[in-house]
PDB file of N, CA and C in Angstrom:
ATOM      1  N   MET A   1       0.626  -1.209   0.115  1.00  0.00           N
ATOM      2  CA  MET A   1       0.101  -0.307  -0.020  1.00  0.00           C
ATOM      3  C   MET A   1       0.728   1.421   0.080  1.00  0.00           C
ATOM      4  N   PRO A   2       0.486   2.228  -0.368  1.00  0.00           N
ATOM      5  CA  PRO A   2       1.605   3.665  -1.012  1.00  0.00           C
ATOM      6  C   PRO A   2       1.058   4.454   0.599  1.00  0.00           C
ATOM      7  N   GLU A   3       2.677   4.784   0.632  1.00  0.00           N
ATOM      8  CA  GLU A   3       1.639   6.018   1.314  1.00  0.00           C
ATOM      9  C   GLU A   3       1.681   7.002   1.118  1.00  0.00           C
ATOM     10  N   GLN A   4       0.418   7.700   2.170  1.00  0.00           N
ATOM     11  CA  GLN A   4       0.038   8.642   1.990  1.00  0.00           C
ATOM     12  C   GLN A   4       0.584  10.015   2.526  1.00  0.00           C
ATOM     13  N   PRO A   5       0.442  11.285   2.114  1.00  0.00           N
ATOM     14  CA  PRO A   5       1.619  11.917   2.638  1.00  0.00           C
ATOM     15  C   PRO A   5       0.210  12.405   3.734  1.00  0.00           C
ATOM     16  N   ASN A   6       0.823  13.231   4.587  1.00  0.00           N
ATOM     17  CA  ASN A   6       0.014  13.720   5.618  1.00  0.00           C
ATOM     18  C   ASN A   6      -0.761  14.998   5.402  1.00  0.00           C
ATOM     19  N   GLN A   7      -1.916  14.885   5.616  1.00  0.00           N
ATOM     20  CA  GLN A   7      -2.617  16.244   5.288  1.00  0.00           C
ATOM     21  C   GLN A   7      -2.659  17.704   5.912  1.00  0.00           C
ATOM     22  N   GLU A   8      -1.852  17.325   7.293  1.00  0.00           N
ATOM     23  CA  GLU A   8      -1.651  18.408   8.118  1.00  0.00           C
ATOM     24  C   GLU A   8       0.128  19.308   7.955  1.00  0.00           C
ATOM     25  N   GLN A   9       0.557  18.433   7.121  1.00  0.00           N
ATOM     26  CA  GLN A   9       1.891  19.243   6.436  1.00  0.00           C
ATOM     27  C   GLN A   9       2.125  19.950   6.068  1.00  0.00           C
ATOM     28  N   SER A  10       2.819  20.780   6.482  1.00  0.00           N
ATOM     29  CA  SER A  10       3.355  22.378   5.545  1.00  0.00           C
ATOM     30  C   SER A  10       3.445  22.159   4.390  1.00  0.00           C
ATOM     31  N   PHE A  11       3.419  23.952   3.858  1.00  0.00           N
ATOM     32  CA  PHE A  11       3.716  23.458   2.177  1.00  0.00           C
ATOM     33  C   PHE A  11       5.137  23.240   1.712  1.00  0.00           C
ATOM     34  N   GLU A  12       5.948  23.504   2.890  1.00  0.00           N
ATOM     35  CA  GLU A  12       7.216  24.048   2.386  1.00  0.00           C
ATOM     36  C   GLU A  12       7.653  22.234   2.752  1.00  0.00           C
ATOM     37  N   ALA A  13       7.189  21.538   3.588  1.00  0.00           N
ATOM     38  CA  ALA A  13       7.616  19.957   4.087  1.00  0.00           C
ATOM     39  C   ALA A  13       7.757  19.067   3.041  1.00  0.00           C
ATOM     40  N   GLY A  14       6.034  19.580   2.694  1.00  0.00           N
ATOM     41  CA  GLY A  14       5.230  18.273   1.346  1.00  0.00           C
ATOM     42  C   GLY A  14       6.077  18.819  -0.030  1.00  0.00           C
ATOM     43  N   LEU A  15       6.430  20.381  -0.213  1.00  0.00           N
ATOM     44  CA  LEU A  15       7.442  20.523  -1.412  1.00  0.00           C
ATOM     45  C   LEU A  15       9.069  19.489  -0.979  1.00  0.00           C
ATOM     46  N   ALA A  16       9.522  19.507  -0.115  1.00  0.00           N
ATOM     47  CA  ALA A  16      10.526  18.628   0.346  1.00  0.00           C
ATOM     48  C   ALA A  16      10.224  17.335   0.334  1.00  0.00           C
ATOM     49  N   ASP A  17       9.509  16.630   0.445  1.00  0.00           N
ATOM     50  CA  ASP A  17       9.092  15.482   0.608  1.00  0.00           C
ATOM     51  C   ASP A  17       8.539  15.058  -1.329  1.00  0.00           C
ATOM     52  N   LEU A  18       8.133  15.844  -1.918  1.00  0.00           N
ATOM     53  CA  LEU A  18       8.078  15.865  -3.380  1.00  0.00           C
ATOM     54  C   LEU A  18       9.473  15.597  -4.412  1.00  0.00           C
ATOM     55  N   GLU A  19      10.421  16.804  -3.479  1.00  0.00           N
ATOM     56  CA  GLU A  19      11.701  16.554  -4.196  1.00  0.00           C
ATOM     57  C   GLU A  19      12.299  15.466  -4.175  1.00  0.00           C
ATOM     58  N   ALA A  20      12.270  15.074  -2.859  1.00  0.00           N
ATOM     59  CA  ALA A  20      12.980  13.173  -2.692  1.00  0.00           C
ATOM     60  C   ALA A  20      12.025  12.172  -3.122  1.00  0.00           C
ATOM     61  N   VAL A  21      10.762  12.589  -3.781  1.00  0.00           N
ATOM     62  CA  VAL A  21       9.835  11.589  -4.337  1.00  0.00           C
ATOM     63  C   VAL A  21      10.625  11.543  -6.038  1.00  0.00           C
ATOM     64  N   VAL A  22      11.350  12.836  -6.565  1.00  0.00           N
ATOM     65  CA  VAL A  22      11.748  13.052  -7.606  1.00  0.00           C
ATOM     66  C   VAL A  22      13.157  12.156  -7.530  1.00  0.00           C
ATOM     67  N   LYS A  23      14.138  12.477  -6.494  1.00  0.00           N
ATOM     68  CA  LYS A  23      15.394  11.735  -6.233  1.00  0.00           C
ATOM     69  C   LYS A  23      15.122  10.466  -6.541  1.00  0.00           C
ATOM     70  N   GLU A  24      14.214   9.839  -5.188  1.00  0.00           N
ATOM     71  CA  GLU A  24      14.300   8.676  -5.592  1.00  0.00           C
ATOM     72  C   GLU A  24      13.653   8.210  -7.017  1.00  0.00           C
ATOM     73  N   LEU A  25      12.806   8.598  -7.701  1.00  0.00           N
ATOM     74  CA  LEU A  25      12.429   8.078  -9.185  1.00  0.00           C
ATOM     75  C   LEU A  25      13.745   7.662  -9.855  1.00  0.00           C
ATOM     76  N   GLU A  26      14.763   8.755  -9.872  1.00  0.00           N
ATOM     77  CA  GLU A  26      15.533   8.863 -10.608  1.00  0.00           C
ATOM     78  C   GLU A  26      16.891   7.882 -10.233  1.00  0.00           C
ATOM     79  N   THR A  27      16.659   7.437  -9.201  1.00  0.00           N
ATOM     80  CA  THR A  27      17.408   6.350  -8.974  1.00  0.00           C
ATOM     81  C   THR A  27      17.461   5.294  -9.885  1.00  0.00           C
ATOM     82  N   GLU A  28      18.917   4.696 -10.115  1.00  0.00           N
ATOM     83  CA  GLU A  28      18.940   3.580 -10.976  1.00  0.00           C
ATOM     84  C   GLU A  28      18.563   2.211 -10.590  1.00  0.00           C
ATOM     85  N   GLY A  29      18.132   1.411 -11.376  1.00  0.00           N
ATOM     86  CA  GLY A  29      17.200  -0.242 -10.965  1.00  0.00           C
ATOM     87  C   GLY A  29      16.264   0.179  -9.971  1.00  0.00           C
ATOM     88  N   LEU A  30      15.757   1.255  -9.649  1.00  0.00           N
ATOM     89  CA  LEU A  30      14.476   1.171  -9.149  1.00  0.00           C
ATOM     90  C   LEU A  30      13.130   0.285  -9.707  1.00  0.00           C
ATOM     91  N   PRO A  31      12.978  -0.972  -8.836  1.00  0.00           N
ATOM     92  CA  PRO A  31      11.929  -1.980  -9.471  1.00  0.00           C
ATOM     93  C   PRO A  31      10.514  -1.016  -9.943  1.00  0.00           C
ATOM     94  N   LEU A  32       9.891  -1.673 -10.729  1.00  0.00           N
ATOM     95  CA  LEU A  32       8.850  -0.981 -11.077  1.00  0.00           C
ATOM     96  C   LEU A  32       7.515  -0.958 -10.234  1.00  0.00           C
ATOM     97  N   GLU A  33       7.429  -1.651  -9.095  1.00  0.00           N
ATOM     98  CA  GLU A  33       5.935  -1.563  -8.084  1.00  0.00           C
ATOM     99  C   GLU A  33       6.799  -0.625  -7.913  1.00  0.00           C
ATOM    100  N   ARG A  34       7.798  -0.175  -7.206  1.00  0.00           N
ATOM    101  CA  ARG A  34       8.121   0.568  -6.392  1.00  0.00           C
ATOM    102  C   ARG A  34       8.318   2.017  -6.979  1.00  0.00           C
ATOM    103  N   ALA A  35       8.897   2.089  -8.342  1.00  0.00           N
ATOM    104  CA  ALA A  35       8.743   3.251  -9.027  1.00  0.00           C
ATOM    105  C   ALA A  35       7.088   3.754  -9.169  1.00  0.00           C
ATOM    106  N   ILE A  36       6.055   2.895  -9.065  1.00  0.00           N
ATOM    107  CA  ILE A  36       4.216   2.949  -9.156  1.00  0.00           C
ATOM    108  C   ILE A  36       4.357   3.841  -7.862  1.00  0.00           C
ATOM    109  N   GLN A  37       4.189   3.220  -6.806  1.00  0.00           N
ATOM    110  CA  GLN A  37       3.824   3.615  -5.608  1.00  0.00           C
ATOM    111  C   GLN A  37       4.705   4.858  -5.325  1.00  0.00           C
ATOM    112  N   ILE A  38       6.100   4.786  -5.410  1.00  0.00           N
ATOM    113  CA  ILE A  38       6.623   6.637  -4.895  1.00  0.00           C
ATOM    114  C   ILE A  38       6.337   7.335  -6.500  1.00  0.00           C
ATOM    115  N   PHE A  39       5.258   7.479  -7.178  1.00  0.00           N
ATOM    116  CA  PHE A  39       4.963   8.477  -8.473  1.00  0.00           C
ATOM    117  C   PHE A  39       3.416   8.691  -7.695  1.00  0.00           C
ATOM    118  N   GLU A  40       2.805   7.757  -6.983  1.00  0.00           N
ATOM    119  CA  GLU A  40       1.495   7.753  -6.918  1.00  0.00           C
ATOM    120  C   GLU A  40       1.682   8.964  -5.291  1.00  0.00           C
ATOM    121  N   LYS A  41       2.766   8.598  -4.529  1.00  0.00           N
ATOM    122  CA  LYS A  41       2.727   9.476  -3.387  1.00  0.00           C
ATOM    123  C   LYS A  41       2.992  10.559  -4.127  1.00  0.00           C
ATOM    124  N   GLY A  42       3.844  10.872  -4.986  1.00  0.00           N
ATOM    125  CA  GLY A  42       4.255  12.189  -6.096  1.00  0.00           C
ATOM    126  C   GLY A  42       3.287  13.090  -6.464  1.00  0.00           C
ATOM    127  N   VAL A  43       2.134  12.215  -6.928  1.00  0.00           N
ATOM    128  CA  VAL A  43       1.229  12.371  -7.652  1.00  0.00           C
ATOM    129  C   VAL A  43       0.354  13.651  -6.276  1.00  0.00           C
ATOM    130  N   ALA A  44      -0.434  12.705  -5.663  1.00  0.00           N
ATOM    131  CA  ALA A  44      -0.705  13.101  -4.039  1.00  0.00           C
ATOM    132  C   ALA A  44      -0.132  14.042  -3.767  1.00  0.00           C
ATOM    133  N   LEU A  45       1.063  14.139  -2.916  1.00  0.00           N
ATOM    134  CA  LEU A  45       1.551  15.486  -2.656  1.00  0.00           C
ATOM    135  C   LEU A  45       1.924  16.533  -3.628  1.00  0.00           C
ATOM    136  N   SER A  46       2.058  16.527  -5.143  1.00  0.00           N
ATOM    137  CA  SER A  46       2.079  17.268  -5.890  1.00  0.00           C
ATOM    138  C   SER A  46       0.302  18.335  -5.862  1.00  0.00           C
ATOM    139  N   ASP A  47      -0.648  17.436  -5.368  1.00  0.00           N
ATOM    140  CA  ASP A  47      -2.126  18.019  -5.818  1.00  0.00           C
ATOM    141  C   ASP A  47      -2.526  18.493  -4.486  1.00  0.00           C
ATOM    142  N   ARG A  48      -1.676  17.960  -3.267  1.00  0.00           N
ATOM    143  CA  ARG A  48      -1.675  18.744  -1.784  1.00  0.00           C
ATOM    144  C   ARG A  48      -1.354  20.419  -2.051  1.00  0.00           C
ATOM    145  N   CYS A  49      -0.030  20.079  -2.314  1.00  0.00           N
ATOM    146  CA  CYS A  49       0.716  21.749  -2.521  1.00  0.00           C
ATOM    147  C   CYS A  49       0.336  22.432  -3.153  1.00  0.00           C
ATOM    148  N   ARG A  50      -0.614  21.911  -4.670  1.00  0.00           N
ATOM    149  CA  ARG A  50      -1.296  23.018  -5.440  1.00  0.00           C
ATOM    150  C   ARG A  50      -2.269  23.228  -4.682  1.00  0.00           C
ATOM    151  N   LYS A  51      -3.004  22.378  -3.774  1.00  0.00           N
ATOM    152  CA  LYS A  51      -4.471  22.862  -3.391  1.00  0.00           C
ATOM    153  C   LYS A  51      -4.145  23.952  -2.429  1.00  0.00           C
ATOM    154  N   GLN A  52      -2.431  23.733  -1.602  1.00  0.00           N
ATOM    155  CA  GLN A  52      -2.494  24.959  -0.428  1.00  0.00           C
ATOM    156  C   GLN A  52      -2.201  25.782  -0.787  1.00  0.00           C
ATOM    157  N   LEU A  53      -1.283  26.056  -2.651  1.00  0.00           N
ATOM    158  CA  LEU A  53      -0.930  27.790  -3.413  1.00  0.00           C
ATOM    159  C   LEU A  53      -2.513  28.036  -3.559  1.00  0.00           C
ATOM    160  N   GLU A  54      -3.347  27.544  -4.018  1.00  0.00           N
ATOM    161  CA  GLU A  54      -4.783  28.011  -4.217  1.00  0.00           C
ATOM    162  C   GLU A  54      -5.196  28.116  -2.871  1.00  0.00           C
ATOM    163  N   ASP A  55      -5.578  27.641  -1.896  1.00  0.00           N
ATOM    164  CA  ASP A  55      -5.759  28.103  -1.071  1.00  0.00           C
ATOM    165  C   ASP A  55      -5.123  29.525  -0.682  1.00  0.00           C
ATOM    166  N   ALA A  56      -3.963  29.712  -0.665  1.00  0.00           N
ATOM    167  CA  ALA A  56      -3.337  30.881  -0.073  1.00  0.00           C
ATOM    168  C   ALA A  56      -3.608  32.138  -1.253  1.00  0.00           C
ATOM    169  N   GLU A  57      -3.767  31.599  -2.533  1.00  0.00           N
ATOM    170  CA  GLU A  57      -4.069  32.634  -3.718  1.00  0.00           C
ATOM    171  C   GLU A  57      -5.081  33.415  -2.943  1.00  0.00           C
ATOM    172  N   SER A  58      -6.249  32.273  -2.588  1.00  0.00           N
ATOM    173  CA  SER A  58      -7.712  32.995  -2.155  1.00  0.00           C
ATOM    174  C   SER A  58      -7.474  33.840  -0.853  1.00  0.00           C
ATOM    175  N   ARG A  59      -6.689  33.557  -0.025  1.00  0.00           N
ATOM    176  CA  ARG A  59      -6.921  34.454   1.176  1.00  0.00           C
ATOM    177  C   ARG A  59      -6.155  35.657   0.663  1.00  0.00           C
ATOM    178  N   ILE A  60      -4.943  35.450   0.357  1.00  0.00           N
ATOM    179  CA  ILE A  60      -4.554  36.826  -0.202  1.00  0.00           C
ATOM    180  C   ILE A  60      -5.607  37.657  -1.083  1.00  0.00           C
ATOM    181  N   GLU A  61      -6.098  37.253  -1.926  1.00  0.00           N
ATOM    182  CA  GLU A  61      -7.071  37.924  -2.625  1.00  0.00           C
ATOM    183  C   GLU A  61      -8.351  38.914  -1.430  1.00  0.00           C
ATOM    184  N   ILE A  62      -8.922  37.670  -0.824  1.00  0.00           N
ATOM    185  CA  ILE A  62      -9.968  38.092   0.176  1.00  0.00           C
ATOM    186  C   ILE A  62      -8.971  39.442   1.071  1.00  0.00           C
ATOM    187  N   LEU A  63      -7.777  39.383   0.903  1.00  0.00           N
ATOM    188  CA  LEU A  63      -7.162  40.296   2.201  1.00  0.00           C
ATOM    189  C   LEU A  63      -6.818  41.903   0.926  1.00  0.00           C
ATOM    190  N   THR A  64      -6.981  41.589   0.011  1.00  0.00           N
ATOM    191  CA  THR A  64      -6.911  42.657  -0.727  1.00  0.00           C
ATOM    192  C   THR A  64      -7.755  43.313  -1.315  1.00  0.00           C
ATOM    193  N   ARG A  65      -9.386  43.133  -1.084  1.00  0.00           N
ATOM    194  CA  ARG A  65     -10.448  43.644  -0.996  1.00  0.00           C
ATOM    195  C   ARG A  65     -10.417  44.780  -1.000  1.00  0.00           C
ATOM    196  N   LYS A  66     -11.181  45.253  -2.242  1.00  0.00           N
ATOM    197  CA  LYS A  66     -11.475  46.926  -2.119  1.00  0.00           C
ATOM    198  C   LYS A  66     -12.806  46.953  -2.538  1.00  0.00           C
ATOM    199  N   GLY A  67     -13.660  47.664  -1.032  1.00  0.00           N
ATOM    200  CA  GLY A  67     -14.859  47.377  -1.604  1.00  0.00           C
ATOM    201  C   GLY A  67     -15.558  46.263  -1.695  1.00  0.00           C
ATOM    202  N   SER A  68     -16.428  46.577  -2.642  1.00  0.00           N
ATOM    203  CA  SER A  68     -16.748  45.024  -2.829  1.00  0.00           C
ATOM    204  C   SER A  68     -16.136  44.392  -4.046  1.00  0.00           C
ATOM    205  N   LYS A  69     -15.268  45.046  -4.743  1.00  0.00           N
ATOM    206  CA  LYS A  69     -14.320  44.483  -5.847  1.00  0.00           C
ATOM    207  C   LYS A  69     -13.067  44.082  -5.308  1.00  0.00           C
ATOM    208  N   ILE A  70     -12.670  42.854  -5.998  1.00  0.00           N
ATOM    209  CA  ILE A  70     -11.161  42.250  -5.349  1.00  0.00           C
ATOM    210  C   ILE A  70      -9.987  42.764  -6.768  1.00  0.00           C
ATOM    211  N   VAL A  71      -9.406  44.012  -5.864  1.00  0.00           N
ATOM    212  CA  VAL A  71      -8.043  44.466  -6.694  1.00  0.00           C
ATOM    213  C   VAL A  71      -7.158  43.336  -6.662  1.00  0.00           C
ATOM    214  N   PRO A  72      -6.295  42.644  -7.294  1.00  0.00           N
ATOM    215  CA  PRO A  72      -5.289  41.645  -7.262  1.00  0.00           C
ATOM    216  C   PRO A  72      -4.109  42.214  -7.400  1.00  0.00           C
ATOM    217  N   GLN A  73      -3.153  41.922  -6.673  1.00  0.00           N
ATOM    218  CA  GLN A  73      -1.859  42.776  -6.101  1.00  0.00           C
ATOM    219  C   GLN A  73      -1.033  41.845  -6.575  1.00  0.00           C
ATOM    220  N   ILE A  74       0.136  42.603  -6.825  1.00  0.00           N
ATOM    221  CA  ILE A  74       1.325  41.805  -7.555  1.00  0.00           C
ATOM    222  C   ILE A  74       1.938  41.461  -5.932  1.00  0.00           C
ATOM    223  N   PHE A  75       2.409  40.352  -5.735  1.00  0.00           N
ATOM    224  CA  PHE A  75       3.427  39.927  -4.730  1.00  0.00           C
ATOM    225  C   PHE A  75       4.444  40.085  -4.832  1.00  0.00           C
ATOM    226  N   GLU A  76       5.536  40.956  -4.207  1.00  0.00           N
ATOM    227  CA  GLU A  76       6.596  41.015  -4.491  1.00  0.00           C
ATOM    228  C   GLU A  76       7.803  40.562  -2.913  1.00  0.00           C
ATOM    229  N   ALA A  77       8.504  39.543  -3.428  1.00  0.00           N
ATOM    230  CA  ALA A  77       8.911  38.999  -2.414  1.00  0.00           C
ATOM    231  C   ALA A  77      10.327  39.923  -1.870  1.00  0.00           C
ATOM    232  N   ASP A  78      11.004  40.368  -0.609  1.00  0.00           N
ATOM    233  CA  ASP A  78      11.959  41.143  -0.100  1.00  0.00           C
ATOM    234  C   ASP A  78      13.166  40.690  -0.742  1.00  0.00           C
TER     235      ASP A  78
END
């Protein structure tokens, strides 16, 4: 049974796990069944990270509302 990613895991931890999945998939001689399990885990991690990013984007849009209209703001990292 493939490992399921932790639903409470932070985005950063999920991204680190996803990088580990990619690294393992690049391993030479990886058995097919293990590769499929790892790939399934990677897809689940990717979906969860994407959802977390979408949720963050929604929260930012709500916070940048001007009156009843949402005005998208460009986020610039320091």
